[in-house]
Amino acid sequence: SQPCWNEYLSTRIEQNMVVNCTCPISECRAQPTTAFIRSIVSSEEIIAKYEKALLRVYVECCSNLTWCTNPQGCDQILLKDGLGYGAACSKCSWMSCFNCNFPEAHYPASCSHMSHMTCAKCNHGFCWRCLKPWRPTHKDYYNCSAMVSKAAWQEKRFQDYNERCTFHHRAREFAMSLRNRVSSISEMPKMRTLTFVLDACKVLEQARKVLAYSCVYSYYNQDAESMDVVEQQTESLELHTNAL
């Protein structure tokens, strides 16, 4: 009967199991069509959830589509083709990386850098994505030693870079908070335009982001000659950023 179907389909939609659901009769494998579901389910709210479920499945099935990875939440669908490593969402301006599972564009650190984790206690390197040992299946960015002194040095080095990275991320959050406060002030009546301050806050956010991921890049890069140039540029950027 229609009331039974309505209850069955509504429950399936609420449980996010409607896309692949079949007829409740055990020996029947028929799947209800979209037109059938819309004719049976009377609640507009339930129908809206069903349409969202269809959209979610469609995006997941399309290799060139993805959702915006903004951790604050964004329902924008992005086209991955031609956007590369740093794609800005047209809705929230969040920059996503489409080449790894890290939720944010992380230039100049590579995707491998964001996946390579090291235990601070035993110095064991492993891949964050597959949880398997980093060597020998993954690309090796540095030579590891079992010596205690090497492990202690590596742990101290990791802590130093991690503290710098964390500092820049927190400073970036401060810049974002400052931009929000300035934005609310600029909306007050008789207030002169503060566009230049808002632009400065945006530049500050971007600079802190680059500095944070530069720490990751520097930690894994072992080319001393290239690192001299990188460190000089990083120090210059940090000096101007702190002044800003």
Protein backbone atom coordinates (compact mmCIF):
# COMPACT_ATOMS: atom_id res chain seq x y z
CA SER A 1 0.00 0.00 0.00
CA GLN A 2 1.05 3.63 -0.45
CA PRO A 3 1.41 4.35 3.33
CA CYS A 4 3.73 1.34 3.67
CA TRP A 5 5.84 2.42 0.72
CA ASN A 6 5.93 5.96 2.07
CA GLU A 7 7.25 4.80 5.45
CA TYR A 8 9.73 2.39 3.87
CA LEU A 9 11.20 4.91 1.42
CA SER A 10 11.23 7.75 3.98
CA THR A 11 13.19 5.55 6.39
CA ARG A 12 15.64 4.59 3.68
CA ILE A 13 16.18 8.23 2.72
CA GLU A 14 16.74 9.23 6.36
CA GLN A 15 19.34 6.45 6.66
CA ASN A 16 21.09 7.49 3.40
CA MET A 17 20.34 4.03 1.95
CA VAL A 18 17.79 4.92 -0.71
CA VAL A 19 20.04 5.02 -3.78
CA ASN A 20 20.59 1.26 -3.93
CA CYS A 21 17.46 0.11 -2.09
CA THR A 22 15.24 -2.57 -3.57
CA CYS A 23 11.69 -3.75 -3.14
CA PRO A 24 11.11 -4.88 0.50
CA ILE A 25 9.90 -8.27 -0.70
CA SER A 26 12.92 -10.53 -0.24
CA GLU A 27 12.76 -12.30 -3.60
CA CYS A 28 12.18 -9.07 -5.58
CA ARG A 29 15.29 -7.11 -6.70
CA ALA A 30 13.41 -4.28 -8.44
CA GLN A 31 14.59 -0.77 -7.54
CA PRO A 32 12.14 2.12 -7.16
CA THR A 33 12.60 4.83 -9.77
CA THR A 34 12.96 8.54 -9.02
CA ALA A 35 9.49 9.22 -10.42
CA PHE A 36 8.00 6.50 -8.22
CA ILE A 37 9.70 7.83 -5.07
CA ARG A 38 8.50 11.38 -5.74
CA SER A 39 4.95 10.13 -6.29
CA ILE A 40 4.95 8.15 -3.02
CA VAL A 41 6.86 10.32 -0.53
CA SER A 42 4.73 13.27 0.54
CA SER A 43 7.24 15.19 2.71
CA GLU A 44 9.09 17.95 0.83
CA GLU A 45 11.89 17.76 3.40
CA ILE A 46 12.40 14.04 2.74
CA ILE A 47 12.33 14.61 -1.02
CA ALA A 48 14.98 17.34 -0.63
CA LYS A 49 17.22 14.85 1.25
CA TYR A 50 16.66 12.32 -1.52
CA GLU A 51 17.72 14.82 -4.20
CA LYS A 52 20.84 15.65 -2.19
CA ALA A 53 21.64 11.94 -2.00
CA LEU A 54 21.30 11.62 -5.78
CA LEU A 55 23.59 14.61 -6.30
CA ARG A 56 26.17 13.22 -3.88
CA VAL A 57 26.26 9.86 -5.68
CA TYR A 58 26.54 11.58 -9.05
CA VAL A 59 29.53 13.67 -7.94
CA GLU A 60 31.24 10.63 -6.42
CA CYS A 61 30.79 8.69 -9.69
CA CYS A 62 32.29 11.45 -11.86
CA SER A 63 36.10 11.39 -11.80
CA ASN A 64 36.33 15.04 -12.90
CA LEU A 65 33.98 16.38 -10.20
CA THR A 66 34.57 16.89 -6.49
CA TRP A 67 33.22 18.82 -3.52
CA CYS A 68 34.96 21.88 -2.13
CA THR A 69 37.24 20.70 0.71
CA ASN A 70 36.74 23.76 2.94
CA PRO A 71 36.68 22.35 6.52
CA GLN A 72 34.28 25.14 7.53
CA GLY A 73 31.72 23.61 5.18
CA CYS A 74 30.85 24.39 1.57
CA ASP A 75 28.41 22.66 -0.79
CA GLN A 76 30.04 23.86 -4.00
CA ILE A 77 30.84 21.27 -6.70
CA LEU A 78 34.16 21.87 -8.47
CA LEU A 79 35.40 20.70 -11.86
CA LYS A 80 38.90 19.25 -11.42
CA ASP A 81 39.98 19.38 -15.08
CA GLY A 82 42.65 22.01 -15.67
CA LEU A 83 42.60 23.41 -12.13
CA GLY A 84 45.87 21.81 -10.97
CA TYR A 85 47.11 21.89 -7.41
CA GLY A 86 45.57 25.14 -6.21
CA ALA A 87 41.95 25.45 -7.26
CA ALA A 88 39.97 28.31 -5.70
CA CYS A 89 36.31 27.64 -4.97
CA SER A 90 34.08 30.14 -6.78
CA LYS A 91 31.75 30.23 -3.77
CA CYS A 92 33.99 30.42 -0.67
CA SER A 93 37.44 31.03 -2.28
CA TRP A 94 38.93 28.04 -0.43
CA MET A 95 41.89 26.56 -2.34
CA SER A 96 41.80 22.77 -2.64
CA CYS A 97 44.39 20.23 -3.71
CA PHE A 98 42.97 17.71 -6.21
CA ASN A 99 46.08 15.52 -6.30
CA CYS A 100 46.01 14.15 -2.74
CA ASN A 101 43.67 13.75 0.24
CA PHE A 102 44.98 16.83 2.04
CA PRO A 103 42.03 19.28 2.24
CA GLU A 104 43.99 22.41 1.28
CA ALA A 105 46.40 23.51 -1.45
CA HIS A 106 49.81 23.22 0.20
CA TYR A 107 52.35 24.86 -2.15
CA PRO A 108 55.37 24.74 -1.96
CA ALA A 109 55.11 21.40 -0.10
CA SER A 110 54.45 18.47 -2.42
CA CYS A 111 51.63 15.95 -2.01
CA SER A 112 54.19 13.35 -0.94
CA HIS A 113 55.37 15.68 1.81
CA MET A 114 51.82 15.93 3.15
CA SER A 115 51.51 12.12 3.18
CA HIS A 116 54.88 11.30 4.75
CA MET A 117 54.62 11.08 8.55
CA THR A 118 57.32 10.27 11.10
CA CYS A 119 56.80 8.89 14.59
CA ALA A 120 58.41 11.29 17.08
CA LYS A 121 59.18 8.43 19.48
CA CYS A 122 60.84 5.79 17.29
CA ASN A 123 61.42 7.81 14.09
CA HIS A 124 59.55 5.24 11.99
CA GLY A 125 58.43 6.72 8.68
CA PHE A 126 55.07 5.73 7.25
CA CYS A 127 52.56 6.93 4.70
CA TRP A 128 49.55 8.69 6.19
CA ARG A 129 47.35 7.62 3.28
CA CYS A 130 48.01 3.85 3.29
CA LEU A 131 49.69 3.51 6.73
CA LYS A 132 52.44 1.33 5.21
CA PRO A 133 56.17 1.94 5.83
CA TRP A 134 57.50 4.82 3.76
CA ARG A 135 60.40 2.75 2.53
CA PRO A 136 60.92 1.07 0.13
CA THR A 137 57.58 1.44 -1.69
CA HIS A 138 57.41 5.24 -1.43
CA LYS A 139 59.81 7.83 -2.75
CA ASP A 140 62.61 8.43 -0.25
CA TYR A 141 63.36 12.06 0.55
CA TYR A 142 66.09 11.50 3.13
CA ASN A 143 68.44 8.81 4.41
CA CYS A 144 67.36 7.28 7.70
CA SER A 145 69.63 5.74 10.34
CA ALA A 146 68.89 3.47 13.27
CA MET A 147 71.41 5.29 15.44
CA VAL A 148 69.95 6.79 18.62
CA SER A 149 71.74 10.09 18.05
CA LYS A 150 70.28 10.30 14.54
CA ALA A 151 66.80 9.57 15.85
CA ALA A 152 67.14 12.20 18.59
CA TRP A 153 68.39 14.77 16.09
CA GLN A 154 65.57 13.96 13.70
CA GLU A 155 62.97 14.29 16.46
CA LYS A 156 64.35 17.70 17.52
CA ARG A 157 64.42 18.83 13.90
CA PHE A 158 60.82 17.71 13.42
CA GLN A 159 59.72 19.59 16.57
CA ASP A 160 61.40 22.80 15.40
CA TYR A 161 59.76 22.73 11.98
CA ASN A 162 56.44 21.64 13.44
CA GLU A 163 56.43 24.56 15.89
CA ARG A 164 57.15 27.02 13.07
CA CYS A 165 54.43 25.49 10.92
CA THR A 166 51.91 25.62 13.78
CA PHE A 167 52.80 29.25 14.53
CA HIS A 168 52.13 30.35 10.95
CA HIS A 169 48.82 28.45 10.86
CA ARG A 170 47.70 30.20 14.06
CA ALA A 171 48.87 33.55 12.71
CA ARG A 172 46.84 32.86 9.59
CA GLU A 173 43.76 32.19 11.73
CA PHE A 174 44.38 35.54 13.44
CA ALA A 175 44.50 37.28 10.04
CA MET A 176 41.21 35.63 9.08
CA SER A 177 39.63 36.74 12.36
CA LEU A 178 40.97 40.26 11.85
CA ARG A 179 39.52 40.40 8.35
CA ASN A 180 36.10 39.35 9.67
CA ARG A 181 36.18 42.03 12.35
CA VAL A 182 37.27 44.74 9.92
CA SER A 183 34.57 43.61 7.50
CA SER A 184 31.88 44.04 10.16
CA ILE A 185 33.23 47.48 11.09
CA SER A 186 33.27 48.65 7.48
CA GLU A 187 29.53 47.96 7.24
CA MET A 188 28.76 50.53 9.97
CA PRO A 189 27.18 53.83 8.82
CA LYS A 190 29.43 56.86 8.26
CA MET A 191 32.50 54.61 8.17
CA ARG A 192 35.07 55.32 5.49
CA THR A 193 35.95 52.45 3.19
CA LEU A 194 38.40 49.97 4.66
CA THR A 195 39.00 48.06 1.45
CA PHE A 196 42.76 48.50 1.69
CA VAL A 197 42.75 46.96 5.18
CA LEU A 198 40.68 44.00 3.99
CA ASP A 199 43.08 43.50 1.07
CA ALA A 200 46.02 43.58 3.49
CA CYS A 201 44.37 40.91 5.64
CA LYS A 202 43.89 38.68 2.57
CA VAL A 203 47.55 39.09 1.63
CA LEU A 204 48.49 38.30 5.24
CA GLU A 205 46.43 35.11 5.19
CA GLN A 206 48.07 33.93 1.96
CA ALA A 207 51.58 34.76 3.19
CA ARG A 208 51.07 32.83 6.44
CA LYS A 209 49.75 29.88 4.47
CA VAL A 210 52.82 29.82 2.20
CA LEU A 211 55.14 30.15 5.21
CA ALA A 212 53.41 27.26 6.99
CA TYR A 213 53.77 24.88 4.05
CA SER A 214 57.30 26.14 3.36
CA CYS A 215 58.19 24.58 6.72
CA VAL A 216 56.94 21.23 5.44
CA TYR A 217 58.87 21.66 2.19
CA SER A 218 62.09 22.63 3.99
CA TYR A 219 61.81 19.74 6.45
CA TYR A 220 61.86 17.11 3.69
CA ASN A 221 64.13 18.80 1.15
CA GLN A 222 67.74 17.57 1.37
CA ASP A 223 69.25 19.56 -1.51
CA ALA A 224 71.53 21.96 0.38
CA GLU A 225 72.19 24.23 -2.60
CA SER A 226 68.52 24.78 -3.46
CA MET A 227 67.60 25.07 0.21
CA ASP A 228 69.93 28.07 0.63
CA VAL A 229 67.80 29.97 -1.88
CA VAL A 230 64.53 28.71 -0.37
CA GLU A 231 65.57 29.68 3.16
CA GLN A 232 66.62 33.15 2.01
CA GLN A 233 63.30 33.71 0.25
CA THR A 234 61.39 32.33 3.23
CA GLU A 235 63.22 34.61 5.66
CA SER A 236 62.49 37.60 3.42
CA LEU A 237 58.81 36.67 3.17
CA GLU A 238 58.56 36.14 6.92
CA LEU A 239 60.21 39.50 7.62
CA HIS A 240 57.74 41.39 5.40
CA THR A 241 54.81 39.35 6.67
CA ASN A 242 55.62 40.17 10.27
CA ALA A 243 55.87 43.84 9.34
CA LEU A 244 52.46 43.67 7.64
